[in-house]
């Protein structure tokens, strides 16, 4: 019997090198995703779009993203994240660049829909990588790094896009963002391997540590779809994330327009207050992921995951409601940033739960959760524009978002990360 040294931890373990790739992937994902919202006011003016039309443009991405989450997550489970993530990034980079060539409303709708098709599955496949390359006790913190990176990408987007759009026009910013993704995809395909044992040079001690800490066999993929779709635990996770994404997509899609047209900030002021929530969100992701792993170690997995989700979403709900009711524009902007920080305590924990209950089907479970979430993003994208056009009040949608975030918080009481889908299937078969 092999002896595993639990204290083994070289200066730069191979799994941390993998995590660095996923870290930059997540940054690029949000650079490309947030870019359109940063130039939204310029784009609306240039193409003559109403708020409702711009909402449909944003929603086209979210709808396509949701529809292709499960297929692309399942594809990663079957083919491996090396090939699937390469295809994903090359596809979305191409359609990011093509967004800069838009000349009409219909053309923009089609391009953004295809952009969403391409980006779908990025995070489910990242979860597959985490499930294969990290022991169970490191799942939450690994997800924390990935999602904090996404928030850093969102924070960097206004800082990069606004100067480029001022100097060269809003179209040039999409060309720049598209080129960055191509570089990542080439490096990923050349360096990464789907399983640790396939990667040359990985120390035997680290390989044993990863294999011992993984809770499933490498090629276990025979869980029936009916079992997945009838799992109450999974439906609770999906509904929780559906409500979560109403709040999340507001920040990555409508926030710059809200600040400029709803709170009368200049473009330069908007750059600051559209950046701050993502910086605080990154802190929230780190805090939530590490806190969840710590609490899980001290009080059990169920307590560790639930407590962070319950507290984070509940506080975010109250703070966003307060921001909507606040008359002072700067105070409201600061409150929204804090609201995002508390909301993002939950983000890495939600994807850690997908690994907890999905195990060898982590990609499929994460894809199912993110599909439900992106449907929420689609509804928010469209409803926000419709509500504002109908009422003339940019704060009205925030009341709705606050209520749904509270619902998301309460749903954590129904989520049990200690009960995997495979375990429930085995229990039903035994009965």
Protein backbone atom coordinates (compact mmCIF):
# COMPACT_ATOMS: atom_id res chain seq x y z
CA UNK A 1 0.00 0.00 0.00
CA UNK A 2 1.38 3.39 -1.06
CA UNK A 3 2.03 5.93 1.65
CA UNK A 4 0.83 9.43 0.83
CA UNK A 5 2.52 12.38 2.42
CA UNK A 6 -0.33 14.83 3.19
CA UNK A 7 2.17 17.65 3.70
CA UNK A 8 3.66 17.28 0.22
CA UNK A 9 3.49 20.66 -1.52
CA UNK A 10 6.28 21.68 -3.94
CA UNK A 11 6.89 25.38 -4.79
CA UNK A 12 4.64 25.26 -7.89
CA UNK A 13 2.60 22.03 -8.04
CA UNK A 14 1.38 20.99 -11.47
CA UNK A 15 -2.23 21.45 -10.40
CA UNK A 16 -1.51 25.09 -9.59
CA UNK A 17 -0.03 25.56 -13.04
CA UNK A 18 -3.31 24.22 -14.41
CA UNK A 19 -5.16 26.65 -12.16
CA UNK A 20 -3.12 29.54 -13.58
CA UNK A 21 -4.41 28.66 -17.06
CA UNK A 22 -7.99 28.63 -15.77
CA UNK A 23 -7.33 31.91 -13.96
CA UNK A 24 -6.41 33.66 -17.21
CA UNK A 25 -9.24 31.91 -19.05
CA UNK A 26 -11.72 33.39 -16.62
CA UNK A 27 -10.19 36.87 -16.98
CA UNK A 28 -10.51 36.68 -20.77
CA UNK A 29 -14.08 35.37 -20.50
CA UNK A 30 -15.23 38.45 -18.62
CA UNK A 31 -13.11 40.87 -20.65
CA UNK A 32 -15.01 39.72 -23.73
CA UNK A 33 -18.38 39.45 -21.97
CA UNK A 34 -18.36 42.86 -20.27
CA UNK A 35 -16.90 44.71 -23.26
CA UNK A 36 -20.29 45.23 -24.91
CA UNK A 37 -21.85 46.72 -21.77
CA UNK A 38 -18.96 49.18 -21.35
CA UNK A 39 -19.49 50.56 -24.87
CA UNK A 40 -23.27 50.13 -24.64
CA UNK A 41 -24.14 53.84 -24.67
CA UNK A 42 -21.85 54.48 -27.66
CA UNK A 43 -23.15 51.41 -29.48
CA UNK A 44 -26.81 52.33 -28.88
CA UNK A 45 -26.21 55.81 -30.20
CA UNK A 46 -24.26 54.67 -33.27
CA UNK A 47 -26.70 51.92 -34.28
CA UNK A 48 -29.86 53.73 -33.13
CA UNK A 49 -30.90 51.09 -30.58
CA UNK A 50 -33.52 51.57 -27.88
CA UNK A 51 -33.06 50.16 -24.37
CA UNK A 52 -35.39 47.30 -25.25
CA UNK A 53 -33.42 46.46 -28.41
CA UNK A 54 -30.13 46.62 -26.53
CA UNK A 55 -31.68 44.32 -23.95
CA UNK A 56 -32.44 41.77 -26.68
CA UNK A 57 -28.84 42.04 -27.91
CA UNK A 58 -27.58 41.26 -24.41
CA UNK A 59 -30.22 38.58 -24.04
CA UNK A 60 -29.24 36.87 -27.30
CA UNK A 61 -25.88 35.99 -25.76
CA UNK A 62 -27.45 34.76 -22.51
CA UNK A 63 -30.07 32.66 -24.32
CA UNK A 64 -27.52 30.91 -26.54
CA UNK A 65 -25.20 30.47 -23.58
CA UNK A 66 -27.94 28.76 -21.58
CA UNK A 67 -29.11 26.48 -24.41
CA UNK A 68 -25.63 25.11 -25.06
CA UNK A 69 -24.39 24.81 -21.47
CA UNK A 70 -25.49 21.22 -20.87
CA UNK A 71 -24.39 19.86 -24.29
CA UNK A 72 -20.97 21.48 -24.01
CA UNK A 73 -20.54 20.43 -20.38
CA UNK A 74 -21.47 16.85 -21.29
CA UNK A 75 -19.13 17.02 -24.28
CA UNK A 76 -16.31 17.95 -21.94
CA UNK A 77 -17.14 14.99 -19.68
CA UNK A 78 -16.89 12.71 -22.71
CA UNK A 79 -14.10 14.22 -24.87
CA UNK A 80 -12.11 16.00 -22.21
CA UNK A 81 -11.66 19.71 -21.47
CA UNK A 82 -8.43 20.06 -23.46
CA UNK A 83 -10.12 19.86 -26.86
CA UNK A 84 -13.46 21.32 -25.80
CA UNK A 85 -12.03 24.42 -24.12
CA UNK A 86 -9.77 25.05 -27.12
CA UNK A 87 -12.80 25.01 -29.42
CA UNK A 88 -14.80 27.19 -27.04
CA UNK A 89 -12.20 29.95 -26.80
CA UNK A 90 -11.39 30.04 -30.51
CA UNK A 91 -15.10 30.22 -31.38
CA UNK A 92 -16.00 32.96 -28.94
CA UNK A 93 -12.90 34.98 -29.84
CA UNK A 94 -13.94 34.98 -33.49
CA UNK A 95 -17.43 36.25 -32.71
CA UNK A 96 -16.10 38.78 -30.22
CA UNK A 97 -14.09 40.29 -33.07
CA UNK A 98 -17.08 40.12 -35.43
CA UNK A 99 -19.16 42.12 -32.93
CA UNK A 100 -16.98 45.08 -33.89
CA UNK A 101 -18.18 44.80 -37.49
CA UNK A 102 -21.89 45.14 -36.64
CA UNK A 103 -23.82 47.60 -38.80
CA UNK A 104 -27.41 46.74 -37.95
CA UNK A 105 -29.62 45.50 -35.14
CA UNK A 106 -30.32 42.10 -36.75
CA UNK A 107 -26.65 41.48 -37.58
CA UNK A 108 -25.73 42.28 -33.97
CA UNK A 109 -28.38 39.90 -32.64
CA UNK A 110 -27.04 37.03 -34.77
CA UNK A 111 -23.39 37.65 -33.89
CA UNK A 112 -24.08 37.89 -30.16
CA UNK A 113 -26.19 34.73 -30.25
CA UNK A 114 -23.33 32.86 -31.93
CA UNK A 115 -20.91 34.40 -29.42
CA UNK A 116 -23.04 32.85 -26.66
CA UNK A 117 -23.04 29.48 -28.45
CA UNK A 118 -19.26 29.59 -28.49
CA UNK A 119 -18.73 30.64 -24.89
CA UNK A 120 -21.19 28.11 -23.46
CA UNK A 121 -19.47 25.41 -21.46
CA UNK A 122 -16.39 27.40 -20.46
CA UNK A 123 -17.07 27.19 -16.73
CA UNK A 124 -18.54 23.66 -16.71
CA UNK A 125 -15.37 22.48 -18.46
CA UNK A 126 -13.29 24.39 -15.93
CA UNK A 127 -15.16 22.43 -13.26
CA UNK A 128 -14.21 19.21 -15.04
CA UNK A 129 -10.57 20.27 -14.86
CA UNK A 130 -10.92 21.01 -11.14
CA UNK A 131 -12.62 17.67 -10.50
CA UNK A 132 -9.79 15.79 -12.24
CA UNK A 133 -6.77 17.79 -11.10
CA UNK A 134 -7.60 18.77 -7.50
CA UNK A 135 -8.30 16.77 -4.33
CA UNK A 136 -11.70 17.29 -2.72
CA UNK A 137 -10.40 19.51 0.09
CA UNK A 138 -9.15 22.09 -2.45
CA UNK A 139 -12.26 22.34 -4.62
CA UNK A 140 -13.71 25.49 -3.05
CA UNK A 141 -10.48 27.47 -3.10
CA UNK A 142 -9.72 26.43 -6.69
CA UNK A 143 -13.15 27.67 -7.77
CA UNK A 144 -12.48 30.85 -5.78
CA UNK A 145 -9.43 31.61 -7.90
CA UNK A 146 -11.32 30.98 -11.12
CA UNK A 147 -14.26 33.20 -10.25
CA UNK A 148 -12.16 35.92 -8.67
CA UNK A 149 -10.27 36.01 -11.98
CA UNK A 150 -13.55 36.50 -13.82
CA UNK A 151 -14.31 39.45 -11.59
CA UNK A 152 -10.85 40.87 -12.26
CA UNK A 153 -11.59 40.53 -15.97
CA UNK A 154 -14.80 42.46 -15.47
CA UNK A 155 -12.89 45.11 -13.51
CA UNK A 156 -10.20 45.41 -16.18
CA UNK A 157 -12.68 45.63 -19.04
CA UNK A 158 -13.71 49.29 -18.50
CA UNK A 159 -10.07 50.24 -17.89
CA UNK A 160 -9.05 48.74 -21.26
CA UNK A 161 -12.17 49.29 -23.34
CA UNK A 162 -12.93 52.94 -22.52
CA UNK A 163 -9.48 54.27 -23.60
CA UNK A 164 -9.51 52.10 -26.75
CA UNK A 165 -13.04 53.18 -27.69
CA UNK A 166 -12.23 56.85 -27.05
CA UNK A 167 -9.08 56.67 -29.17
CA UNK A 168 -10.16 54.33 -31.95
CA UNK A 169 -13.93 53.86 -31.62
CA UNK A 170 -16.00 51.18 -29.90
CA UNK A 171 -15.48 48.67 -32.74
CA UNK A 172 -11.73 48.44 -32.17
CA UNK A 173 -12.19 47.21 -28.59
CA UNK A 174 -13.82 43.98 -29.81
CA UNK A 175 -10.92 43.26 -32.17
CA UNK A 176 -8.43 43.62 -29.32
CA UNK A 177 -10.43 41.32 -27.04
CA UNK A 178 -10.79 38.66 -29.74
CA UNK A 179 -7.03 38.49 -30.33
CA UNK A 180 -6.28 37.84 -26.64
CA UNK A 181 -8.42 34.69 -26.61
CA UNK A 182 -6.64 33.13 -29.58
CA UNK A 183 -3.29 33.34 -27.77
CA UNK A 184 -4.72 31.55 -24.71
CA UNK A 185 -6.30 28.76 -26.80
CA UNK A 186 -3.04 27.90 -28.54
CA UNK A 187 -1.07 27.81 -25.28
CA UNK A 188 -3.75 25.67 -23.56
CA UNK A 189 -3.88 23.04 -26.29
CA UNK A 190 -0.10 22.69 -26.40
CA UNK A 191 0.44 22.48 -22.61
CA UNK A 192 -2.62 20.92 -20.93
CA UNK A 193 -3.62 17.24 -20.64
CA UNK A 194 -7.04 15.94 -19.58
CA UNK A 195 -5.77 13.86 -16.64
CA UNK A 196 -2.76 14.36 -14.35
CA UNK A 197 -1.24 11.00 -15.27
CA UNK A 198 -1.16 12.07 -18.94
CA UNK A 199 0.98 15.09 -18.19
CA UNK A 200 4.72 14.41 -18.46
CA UNK A 201 6.83 15.59 -15.58
CA UNK A 202 4.19 15.64 -12.84
CA UNK A 203 5.79 14.37 -9.60
CA UNK A 204 4.60 10.95 -8.47
CA UNK A 205 3.87 12.28 -4.97
CA UNK A 206 1.54 14.97 -6.31
CA UNK A 207 -0.17 12.47 -8.59
CA UNK A 208 -0.88 10.19 -5.62
CA UNK A 209 -2.17 13.15 -3.62
CA UNK A 210 -4.61 14.12 -6.38
CA UNK A 211 -5.77 10.55 -7.01
CA UNK A 212 -6.28 9.88 -3.30
CA UNK A 213 -8.30 13.05 -2.86
CA UNK A 214 -10.53 12.49 -5.87
CA UNK A 215 -13.89 10.97 -5.12
CA UNK A 216 -14.53 9.01 -8.33
CA UNK A 217 -12.84 6.91 -10.97
CA UNK A 218 -11.36 8.73 -13.94
CA UNK A 219 -13.67 7.31 -16.60
CA UNK A 220 -16.93 6.91 -14.68
CA UNK A 221 -19.51 8.36 -17.08
CA UNK A 222 -22.46 5.98 -17.05
CA UNK A 223 -24.95 7.90 -14.93
CA UNK A 224 -28.38 7.86 -16.65
CA UNK A 225 -29.84 11.21 -17.77
CA UNK A 226 -33.16 10.38 -16.12
CA UNK A 227 -31.42 10.18 -12.77
CA UNK A 228 -29.86 13.59 -13.32
CA UNK A 229 -33.06 15.29 -14.43
CA UNK A 230 -35.14 13.85 -11.55
CA UNK A 231 -32.68 14.76 -8.83
CA UNK A 232 -34.20 17.20 -6.31
CA UNK A 233 -30.80 18.34 -5.10
CA UNK A 234 -29.82 19.35 -8.63
CA UNK A 235 -33.10 21.21 -9.19
CA UNK A 236 -32.53 23.18 -5.98
CA UNK A 237 -29.06 24.12 -7.21
CA UNK A 238 -30.42 25.11 -10.62
CA UNK A 239 -33.20 27.28 -9.20
CA UNK A 240 -30.81 28.91 -6.73
CA UNK A 241 -28.45 29.85 -9.57
CA UNK A 242 -31.30 30.99 -11.81
CA UNK A 243 -32.21 33.64 -9.24
CA UNK A 244 -28.54 34.40 -8.57
CA UNK A 245 -27.93 35.31 -12.20
CA UNK A 246 -30.56 38.06 -12.23
CA UNK A 247 -28.23 39.96 -9.93
CA UNK A 248 -25.00 38.83 -11.56
CA UNK A 249 -26.01 39.70 -15.11
CA UNK A 250 -27.09 43.19 -14.07
CA UNK A 251 -23.47 43.95 -13.21
CA UNK A 252 -21.96 42.44 -16.36
CA UNK A 253 -24.56 43.85 -18.78
CA UNK A 254 -26.65 46.82 -17.62
CA UNK A 255 -24.51 48.48 -14.93
CA UNK A 256 -22.60 50.94 -17.18
CA UNK A 257 -25.84 52.09 -18.83
CA UNK A 258 -27.54 52.30 -15.43
CA UNK A 259 -24.74 54.51 -14.11
CA UNK A 260 -24.64 56.80 -17.15
CA UNK A 261 -28.33 57.13 -17.95
CA UNK A 262 -29.94 56.24 -14.62
CA UNK A 263 -27.48 57.93 -12.24
CA UNK A 264 -26.13 60.62 -14.62
CA UNK A 265 -22.46 59.69 -14.36
CA UNK A 266 -20.04 60.76 -17.09
CA UNK A 267 -18.20 58.09 -19.07
CA UNK A 268 -15.07 58.63 -16.98
CA UNK A 269 -17.04 58.39 -13.72
CA UNK A 270 -18.74 55.28 -15.05
CA UNK A 271 -15.35 53.69 -15.68
CA UNK A 272 -14.57 53.91 -11.95
CA UNK A 273 -17.95 52.80 -10.61
CA UNK A 274 -18.33 50.00 -13.18
CA UNK A 275 -14.87 48.72 -12.18
CA UNK A 276 -15.26 48.81 -8.39
CA UNK A 277 -17.98 46.12 -8.12
CA UNK A 278 -15.78 43.63 -9.97
CA UNK A 279 -12.78 44.32 -7.75
CA UNK A 280 -14.93 43.82 -4.66
CA UNK A 281 -16.51 40.79 -6.33
CA UNK A 282 -13.04 39.26 -6.72
CA UNK A 283 -12.49 39.69 -2.98
CA UNK A 284 -15.90 38.13 -2.38
CA UNK A 285 -15.02 35.12 -4.52
CA UNK A 286 -11.75 34.52 -2.70
CA UNK A 287 -13.42 34.95 0.68
CA UNK A 288 -16.37 32.71 -0.14
CA UNK A 289 -14.30 29.88 -1.59
CA UNK A 290 -11.76 29.77 1.22
CA UNK A 291 -14.40 30.30 3.92
CA UNK A 292 -16.50 27.46 2.56
CA UNK A 293 -13.55 25.02 2.55
CA UNK A 294 -12.59 26.13 6.07
CA UNK A 295 -16.12 25.76 7.44
CA UNK A 296 -16.53 22.44 5.65
CA UNK A 297 -13.38 21.15 7.32
CA UNK A 298 -14.50 22.38 10.76
CA UNK A 299 -18.27 21.77 10.64
CA UNK A 300 -18.89 19.48 7.70
CA UNK A 301 -19.50 19.96 3.99
CA UNK A 302 -23.22 20.70 4.33
CA UNK A 303 -22.67 23.51 6.83
CA UNK A 304 -19.65 24.91 4.97
CA UNK A 305 -21.42 25.25 1.64
CA UNK A 306 -24.84 26.29 2.93
CA UNK A 307 -23.72 28.96 5.37
CA UNK A 308 -21.71 30.93 2.81
CA UNK A 309 -24.52 30.82 0.26
CA UNK A 310 -27.23 31.72 2.74
CA UNK A 311 -25.40 34.67 4.28
CA UNK A 312 -23.86 36.02 1.07
CA UNK A 313 -27.05 36.10 -0.97
CA UNK A 314 -29.17 37.38 1.92
CA UNK A 315 -26.88 40.35 2.59
CA UNK A 316 -26.60 41.12 -1.11
CA UNK A 317 -30.38 41.25 -1.42
CA UNK A 318 -30.72 43.81 1.37
CA UNK A 319 -27.84 45.98 0.15
CA UNK A 320 -29.08 46.14 -3.45
CA UNK A 321 -32.54 47.13 -2.23
CA UNK A 322 -30.97 49.90 -0.15
CA UNK A 323 -29.01 51.10 -3.22
CA UNK A 324 -32.21 51.34 -5.26
CA UNK A 325 -33.87 53.41 -2.52
CA UNK A 326 -30.87 55.75 -2.10
CA UNK A 327 -31.18 59.18 -3.72
CA UNK A 328 -27.48 60.09 -3.67
CA UNK A 329 -25.89 58.72 -6.83
CA UNK A 330 -22.40 58.03 -5.49
CA UNK A 331 -23.72 56.37 -2.34
CA UNK A 332 -25.93 54.15 -4.47
CA UNK A 333 -22.96 53.19 -6.68
CA UNK A 334 -20.85 52.27 -3.64
CA UNK A 335 -23.70 50.20 -2.20
CA UNK A 336 -24.10 48.31 -5.46
CA UNK A 337 -20.39 47.47 -5.40
CA UNK A 338 -20.68 46.11 -1.84
CA UNK A 339 -23.81 44.20 -2.86
CA UNK A 340 -21.84 42.47 -5.59
CA UNK A 341 -19.08 41.56 -3.13
CA UNK A 342 -21.54 39.74 -0.85
CA UNK A 343 -23.30 38.12 -3.79
CA UNK A 344 -20.01 36.76 -5.07
CA UNK A 345 -19.27 35.00 -1.81
CA UNK A 346 -21.63 32.40 -3.23
CA UNK A 347 -20.24 32.06 -6.74
CA UNK A 348 -17.29 29.67 -6.20
CA UNK A 349 -19.34 27.75 -3.64
CA UNK A 350 -22.09 27.10 -6.18
CA UNK A 351 -19.61 25.58 -8.63
CA UNK A 352 -17.90 23.66 -5.82
CA UNK A 353 -21.28 22.10 -5.05
CA UNK A 354 -21.49 20.98 -8.70
CA UNK A 355 -18.28 19.01 -8.13
CA UNK A 356 -19.57 17.76 -4.77
CA UNK A 357 -22.79 16.31 -6.15
CA UNK A 358 -21.70 15.67 -9.74
CA UNK A 359 -18.36 13.93 -9.21
CA UNK A 360 -17.49 12.29 -12.57
CA UNK A 361 -20.36 14.26 -14.15
CA UNK A 362 -19.20 17.61 -12.79
CA UNK A 363 -19.33 19.14 -16.28
CA UNK A 364 -22.90 18.02 -16.85
CA UNK A 365 -24.06 19.20 -13.44
CA UNK A 366 -22.26 22.54 -13.74
CA UNK A 367 -23.70 22.91 -17.24
CA UNK A 368 -27.20 22.23 -15.92
CA UNK A 369 -26.80 24.81 -13.16
CA UNK A 370 -25.30 27.40 -15.47
CA UNK A 371 -28.01 26.76 -18.07
CA UNK A 372 -30.66 27.62 -15.50
CA UNK A 373 -28.61 30.63 -14.44
CA UNK A 374 -28.18 31.95 -17.96
CA UNK A 375 -31.92 31.70 -18.55
CA UNK A 376 -32.21 34.10 -15.62
CA UNK A 377 -29.60 36.30 -17.29
CA UNK A 378 -31.62 36.26 -20.51
CA UNK A 379 -34.83 37.27 -18.75
CA UNK A 380 -33.02 40.03 -16.85
CA UNK A 381 -31.37 41.38 -20.01
CA UNK A 382 -34.72 41.74 -21.76
CA UNK A 383 -36.86 42.73 -18.78
CA UNK A 384 -34.48 45.45 -17.62
CA UNK A 385 -34.75 47.33 -20.91
CA UNK A 386 -38.50 46.82 -21.12
CA UNK A 387 -39.12 48.02 -17.55
CA UNK A 388 -36.93 51.11 -18.02
CA UNK A 389 -38.54 52.02 -21.35
CA UNK A 390 -42.02 51.56 -19.85
CA UNK A 391 -41.43 53.41 -16.55
CA UNK A 392 -38.48 55.70 -17.21
CA UNK A 393 -37.10 54.52 -13.84
CA UNK A 394 -33.73 52.72 -13.83
CA UNK A 395 -34.16 51.71 -10.18
CA UNK A 396 -37.40 49.79 -10.70
CA UNK A 397 -35.67 46.59 -11.93
CA UNK A 398 -33.43 46.59 -8.84
CA UNK A 399 -36.42 45.96 -6.56
CA UNK A 400 -37.19 42.83 -8.58
CA UNK A 401 -33.54 41.72 -8.50
CA UNK A 402 -33.35 42.18 -4.72
CA UNK A 403 -36.37 39.94 -4.18
CA UNK A 404 -34.94 37.17 -6.36
CA UNK A 405 -31.60 37.30 -4.57
CA UNK A 406 -33.46 36.71 -1.31
CA UNK A 407 -35.14 33.67 -2.88
CA UNK A 408 -31.70 32.42 -3.98
CA UNK A 409 -30.45 32.77 -0.41
CA UNK A 410 -33.29 30.69 1.04
CA UNK A 411 -32.83 27.93 -1.52
CA UNK A 412 -29.46 27.08 0.01
CA UNK A 413 -31.41 25.46 2.85
CA UNK A 414 -32.60 22.84 0.35
CA UNK A 415 -29.16 22.05 -1.09
CA UNK A 416 -27.24 19.08 0.31
CA UNK A 417 -23.67 18.90 -1.04
CA UNK A 418 -23.04 15.67 0.88
CA UNK A 419 -25.50 13.73 -1.24
CA UNK A 420 -24.19 13.08 -4.74
CA UNK A 421 -26.41 12.21 -7.69
CA UNK A 422 -24.68 8.83 -7.97
CA UNK A 423 -25.40 8.12 -4.30
CA UNK A 424 -29.10 8.89 -4.74
CA UNK A 425 -29.25 6.65 -7.80
CA UNK A 426 -27.64 3.81 -5.85
CA UNK A 427 -30.15 4.24 -3.01
CA UNK A 428 -33.10 4.12 -5.41
CA UNK A 429 -31.73 1.01 -7.12
CA UNK A 430 -31.25 -0.66 -3.72
CA UNK A 431 -34.87 0.06 -2.81
